[in-house]
Amino acid sequence: MNQPIPAQQRDNISYEVSGENSKYTLLQSLDVADMPGYSLTLYELRRTFPKDPPMFAGVHLKDQWVRGTTDTVDGNGSVIGYAVYNLENGDKIFGRFDGISQVATGQSSNKRAVTGSIVLTGGTGKMRGIRGTIHVLTDTDLSVSLNVTKCEGEYWMENE
């Protein structure tokens, strides 16, 4: 007789990262030139957690790197990227970000709200089987390299 498969335990995660703890290490934009305001941007962003770092499965987060691209017209358009979470014990968690960038009416195209999700795709060591989704809301002002982020979601460990 088949035994039911137990439900995977899901854990919640929630954290915020201030502008002072988020730094663009690369921000390169290229004009596409087929219409005014159309650009592609390559970015790399490092987020640190000097106080009260969030935890995955009981292990504190040391830092997070996000590397990706934007495809926007006047700051509005798609954002994709790849996240690497570095934990204090040396383990890593990997994820893929997919989102949208929007500029409020009347604002500079440098001031954007980015919303999206990071889908956790795995990791190393203890985090090898991690999966989950983290919802992201970021306010950014590229003219001053400002990036303020709020994240919340859930994760679980897949049986391997």
C-alpha atoms as a PDB file:
ATOM      1  CA  MET A   1       0.000   0.000   0.000  1.00  0.00           C
ATOM      2  CA  ASN A   2       1.293   3.468  -0.875  1.00  0.00           C
ATOM      3  CA  GLN A   3       2.158   5.706   2.043  1.00  0.00           C
ATOM      4  CA  PRO A   4       1.217   9.398   1.753  1.00  0.00           C
ATOM      5  CA  ILE A   5       4.121  11.741   1.241  1.00  0.00           C
ATOM      6  CA  PRO A   6       4.357  14.166   4.179  1.00  0.00           C
ATOM      7  CA  ALA A   7       3.932  17.858   3.383  1.00  0.00           C
ATOM      8  CA  GLN A   8       7.149  19.820   3.328  1.00  0.00           C
ATOM      9  CA  GLN A   9       7.625  22.221   6.204  1.00  0.00           C
ATOM     10  CA  ARG A  10       7.605  25.787   4.962  1.00  0.00           C
ATOM     11  CA  ASP A  11       9.359  28.602   6.768  1.00  0.00           C
ATOM     12  CA  ASN A  12       8.697  32.316   6.383  1.00  0.00           C
ATOM     13  CA  ILE A  13      11.387  34.895   5.763  1.00  0.00           C
ATOM     14  CA  SER A  14      11.083  38.678   5.902  1.00  0.00           C
ATOM     15  CA  TYR A  15      13.771  41.351   5.793  1.00  0.00           C
ATOM     16  CA  GLU A  16      14.502  44.929   4.794  1.00  0.00           C
ATOM     17  CA  VAL A  17      17.719  46.396   3.452  1.00  0.00           C
ATOM     18  CA  SER A  18      18.416  50.114   3.823  1.00  0.00           C
ATOM     19  CA  GLY A  19      20.095  52.253   1.209  1.00  0.00           C
ATOM     20  CA  GLU A  20      23.286  52.400   3.264  1.00  0.00           C
ATOM     21  CA  ASN A  21      23.536  48.576   3.137  1.00  0.00           C
ATOM     22  CA  SER A  22      22.809  48.278  -0.602  1.00  0.00           C
ATOM     23  CA  LYS A  23      25.575  49.241  -3.000  1.00  0.00           C
ATOM     24  CA  TYR A  24      25.714  49.068  -6.774  1.00  0.00           C
ATOM     25  CA  THR A  25      29.128  47.683  -7.683  1.00  0.00           C
ATOM     26  CA  LEU A  26      28.288  47.859 -11.396  1.00  0.00           C
ATOM     27  CA  LEU A  27      25.728  50.016 -13.191  1.00  0.00           C
ATOM     28  CA  GLN A  28      26.215  50.339 -16.942  1.00  0.00           C
ATOM     29  CA  SER A  29      23.477  51.631 -19.262  1.00  0.00           C
ATOM     30  CA  LEU A  30      23.390  51.521 -23.039  1.00  0.00           C
ATOM     31  CA  ASP A  31      20.999  53.486 -25.236  1.00  0.00           C
ATOM     32  CA  VAL A  32      19.193  51.213 -27.684  1.00  0.00           C
ATOM     33  CA  ALA A  33      18.637  54.214 -29.999  1.00  0.00           C
ATOM     34  CA  ASP A  34      15.493  53.025 -31.800  1.00  0.00           C
ATOM     35  CA  MET A  35      13.370  55.371 -29.654  1.00  0.00           C
ATOM     36  CA  PRO A  36      14.117  58.081 -27.084  1.00  0.00           C
ATOM     37  CA  GLY A  37      14.555  56.796 -23.525  1.00  0.00           C
ATOM     38  CA  TYR A  38      15.017  53.118 -24.464  1.00  0.00           C
ATOM     39  CA  SER A  39      17.967  51.586 -22.632  1.00  0.00           C
ATOM     40  CA  LEU A  40      19.466  48.331 -21.470  1.00  0.00           C
ATOM     41  CA  THR A  41      21.245  48.317 -18.128  1.00  0.00           C
ATOM     42  CA  LEU A  42      23.630  45.777 -16.653  1.00  0.00           C
ATOM     43  CA  TYR A  43      23.858  45.896 -12.872  1.00  0.00           C
ATOM     44  CA  GLU A  44      25.479  44.223  -9.903  1.00  0.00           C
ATOM     45  CA  LEU A  45      24.200  44.970  -6.421  1.00  0.00           C
ATOM     46  CA  ARG A  46      25.532  43.899  -3.025  1.00  0.00           C
ATOM     47  CA  ARG A  47      23.325  43.935   0.054  1.00  0.00           C
ATOM     48  CA  THR A  48      24.821  43.491   3.528  1.00  0.00           C
ATOM     49  CA  PHE A  49      23.203  42.710   6.867  1.00  0.00           C
ATOM     50  CA  PRO A  50      25.316  44.260   9.660  1.00  0.00           C
ATOM     51  CA  LYS A  51      22.540  44.120  12.302  1.00  0.00           C
ATOM     52  CA  ASP A  52      19.869  41.476  12.910  1.00  0.00           C
ATOM     53  CA  PRO A  53      20.510  39.492   9.717  1.00  0.00           C
ATOM     54  CA  PRO A  54      17.730  37.251   8.449  1.00  0.00           C
ATOM     55  CA  MET A  55      18.161  33.491   8.745  1.00  0.00           C
ATOM     56  CA  PHE A  56      17.583  30.560   6.435  1.00  0.00           C
ATOM     57  CA  ALA A  57      17.134  27.246   8.290  1.00  0.00           C
ATOM     58  CA  GLY A  58      18.787  28.703  11.410  1.00  0.00           C
ATOM     59  CA  VAL A  59      21.831  30.138   9.589  1.00  0.00           C
ATOM     60  CA  HIS A  60      22.366  33.918   9.425  1.00  0.00           C
ATOM     61  CA  LEU A  61      22.648  35.663   6.077  1.00  0.00           C
ATOM     62  CA  LYS A  62      25.972  37.468   5.546  1.00  0.00           C
ATOM     63  CA  ASP A  63      25.313  39.210   2.240  1.00  0.00           C
ATOM     64  CA  GLN A  64      23.372  38.980  -1.005  1.00  0.00           C
ATOM     65  CA  TRP A  65      24.547  39.672  -4.539  1.00  0.00           C
ATOM     66  CA  VAL A  66      22.134  40.340  -7.391  1.00  0.00           C
ATOM     67  CA  ARG A  67      23.390  40.509 -10.967  1.00  0.00           C
ATOM     68  CA  GLY A  68      21.066  41.264 -13.835  1.00  0.00           C
ATOM     69  CA  THR A  69      19.689  43.458 -16.568  1.00  0.00           C
ATOM     70  CA  THR A  70      16.903  45.943 -17.153  1.00  0.00           C
ATOM     71  CA  ASP A  71      15.154  46.560 -20.470  1.00  0.00           C
ATOM     72  CA  THR A  72      13.285  49.840 -20.061  1.00  0.00           C
ATOM     73  CA  VAL A  73      11.795  52.841 -21.815  1.00  0.00           C
ATOM     74  CA  ASP A  74      12.062  55.916 -19.584  1.00  0.00           C
ATOM     75  CA  GLY A  75      12.606  53.588 -16.602  1.00  0.00           C
ATOM     76  CA  ASN A  76       9.543  51.391 -17.261  1.00  0.00           C
ATOM     77  CA  GLY A  77      10.043  47.776 -18.280  1.00  0.00           C
ATOM     78  CA  SER A  78      11.417  44.391 -17.315  1.00  0.00           C
ATOM     79  CA  VAL A  79      14.110  43.473 -14.797  1.00  0.00           C
ATOM     80  CA  ILE A  80      15.727  40.043 -14.562  1.00  0.00           C
ATOM     81  CA  GLY A  81      18.578  38.916 -12.395  1.00  0.00           C
ATOM     82  CA  TYR A  82      20.262  36.168 -10.469  1.00  0.00           C
ATOM     83  CA  ALA A  83      20.693  36.235  -6.705  1.00  0.00           C
ATOM     84  CA  VAL A  84      23.358  34.602  -4.563  1.00  0.00           C
ATOM     85  CA  TYR A  85      22.789  34.583  -0.802  1.00  0.00           C
ATOM     86  CA  ASN A  86      26.028  33.999   1.151  1.00  0.00           C
ATOM     87  CA  LEU A  87      25.414  32.541   4.604  1.00  0.00           C
ATOM     88  CA  GLU A  88      27.682  32.860   7.645  1.00  0.00           C
ATOM     89  CA  ASN A  89      28.570  29.142   7.547  1.00  0.00           C
ATOM     90  CA  GLY A  90      29.823  29.398   3.948  1.00  0.00           C
ATOM     91  CA  ASP A  91      26.750  27.864   2.314  1.00  0.00           C
ATOM     92  CA  LYS A  92      25.122  29.641  -0.630  1.00  0.00           C
ATOM     93  CA  ILE A  93      21.540  29.924  -1.854  1.00  0.00           C
ATOM     94  CA  PHE A  94      20.780  30.651  -5.511  1.00  0.00           C
ATOM     95  CA  GLY A  95      17.730  32.292  -7.044  1.00  0.00           C
ATOM     96  CA  ARG A  96      16.348  33.939 -10.154  1.00  0.00           C
ATOM     97  CA  PHE A  97      14.674  37.379  -9.998  1.00  0.00           C
ATOM     98  CA  ASP A  98      11.945  38.427 -12.416  1.00  0.00           C
ATOM     99  CA  GLY A  99      10.254  41.784 -12.035  1.00  0.00           C
ATOM    100  CA  ILE A 100       9.033  45.034 -13.455  1.00  0.00           C
ATOM    101  CA  SER A 101      10.343  48.586 -13.119  1.00  0.00           C
ATOM    102  CA  GLN A 102       7.887  51.472 -12.969  1.00  0.00           C
ATOM    103  CA  VAL A 103       8.341  55.221 -12.762  1.00  0.00           C
ATOM    104  CA  ALA A 104       5.610  57.232 -11.068  1.00  0.00           C
ATOM    105  CA  THR A 105       3.935  59.856 -13.264  1.00  0.00           C
ATOM    106  CA  GLY A 106       5.876  63.093 -13.150  1.00  0.00           C
ATOM    107  CA  GLN A 107       9.005  61.521 -11.598  1.00  0.00           C
ATOM    108  CA  SER A 108      12.491  61.319 -13.075  1.00  0.00           C
ATOM    109  CA  SER A 109      13.190  58.043 -14.900  1.00  0.00           C
ATOM    110  CA  ASN A 110      15.979  57.474 -12.358  1.00  0.00           C
ATOM    111  CA  LYS A 111      13.417  57.071  -9.534  1.00  0.00           C
ATOM    112  CA  ARG A 112      11.803  53.670  -9.940  1.00  0.00           C
ATOM    113  CA  ALA A 113       9.766  51.152  -8.003  1.00  0.00           C
ATOM    114  CA  VAL A 114      10.758  47.595  -8.837  1.00  0.00           C
ATOM    115  CA  THR A 115       8.447  44.737  -7.893  1.00  0.00           C
ATOM    116  CA  GLY A 116       9.023  41.071  -8.503  1.00  0.00           C
ATOM    117  CA  SER A 117       9.946  37.715  -7.063  1.00  0.00           C
ATOM    118  CA  ILE A 118      13.048  35.666  -6.450  1.00  0.00           C
ATOM    119  CA  VAL A 119      12.501  31.966  -7.045  1.00  0.00           C
ATOM    120  CA  LEU A 120      14.997  29.999  -4.946  1.00  0.00           C
ATOM    121  CA  THR A 121      16.515  27.272  -7.126  1.00  0.00           C
ATOM    122  CA  GLY A 122      18.966  25.508  -4.810  1.00  0.00           C
ATOM    123  CA  GLY A 123      22.149  26.001  -2.896  1.00  0.00           C
ATOM    124  CA  THR A 124      25.259  24.408  -1.473  1.00  0.00           C
ATOM    125  CA  GLY A 125      25.868  22.367   1.671  1.00  0.00           C
ATOM    126  CA  LYS A 126      22.930  22.383   4.061  1.00  0.00           C
ATOM    127  CA  MET A 127      20.984  24.547   1.570  1.00  0.00           C
ATOM    128  CA  ARG A 128      21.357  22.209  -1.416  1.00  0.00           C
ATOM    129  CA  GLY A 129      17.640  21.337  -1.600  1.00  0.00           C
ATOM    130  CA  ILE A 130      16.213  24.770  -0.789  1.00  0.00           C
ATOM    131  CA  ARG A 131      13.271  26.031  -2.832  1.00  0.00           C
ATOM    132  CA  GLY A 132      10.902  28.935  -2.338  1.00  0.00           C
ATOM    133  CA  THR A 133       9.681  32.333  -3.435  1.00  0.00           C
ATOM    134  CA  ILE A 134      10.618  35.719  -2.022  1.00  0.00           C
ATOM    135  CA  HIS A 135       8.529  38.735  -3.045  1.00  0.00           C
ATOM    136  CA  VAL A 136      10.558  41.916  -3.508  1.00  0.00           C
ATOM    137  CA  LEU A 137       9.643  45.604  -3.430  1.00  0.00           C
ATOM    138  CA  THR A 138      12.502  48.005  -4.151  1.00  0.00           C
ATOM    139  CA  ASP A 139      12.620  51.797  -4.341  1.00  0.00           C
ATOM    140  CA  THR A 140      15.612  52.972  -6.300  1.00  0.00           C
ATOM    141  CA  ASP A 141      17.082  56.256  -7.454  1.00  0.00           C
ATOM    142  CA  LEU A 142      19.830  55.525  -9.954  1.00  0.00           C
ATOM    143  CA  SER A 143      21.062  59.138  -9.978  1.00  0.00           C
ATOM    144  CA  VAL A 144      22.371  58.658  -6.408  1.00  0.00           C
ATOM    145  CA  SER A 145      22.796  54.827  -6.448  1.00  0.00           C
ATOM    146  CA  LEU A 146      20.015  54.437  -3.881  1.00  0.00           C
ATOM    147  CA  ASN A 147      18.396  51.018  -3.425  1.00  0.00           C
ATOM    148  CA  VAL A 148      15.980  50.313  -0.526  1.00  0.00           C
ATOM    149  CA  THR A 149      14.364  46.875  -0.447  1.00  0.00           C
ATOM    150  CA  LYS A 150      11.662  44.965   1.449  1.00  0.00           C
ATOM    151  CA  CYS A 151      11.396  41.200   1.008  1.00  0.00           C
ATOM    152  CA  GLU A 152       9.071  38.526   2.320  1.00  0.00           C
ATOM    153  CA  GLY A 153       8.314  34.991   1.310  1.00  0.00           C
ATOM    154  CA  GLU A 154       8.655  31.359   2.193  1.00  0.00           C
ATOM    155  CA  TYR A 155      11.080  28.535   1.592  1.00  0.00           C
ATOM    156  CA  TRP A 156      11.348  24.808   2.182  1.00  0.00           C
ATOM    157  CA  MET A 157      13.790  21.964   1.688  1.00  0.00           C
ATOM    158  CA  GLU A 158      13.112  19.445  -1.056  1.00  0.00           C
ATOM    159  CA  ASN A 159      13.849  15.812  -0.399  1.00  0.00           C
ATOM    160  CA  GLU A 160      16.637  14.571  -2.633  1.00  0.00           C
END
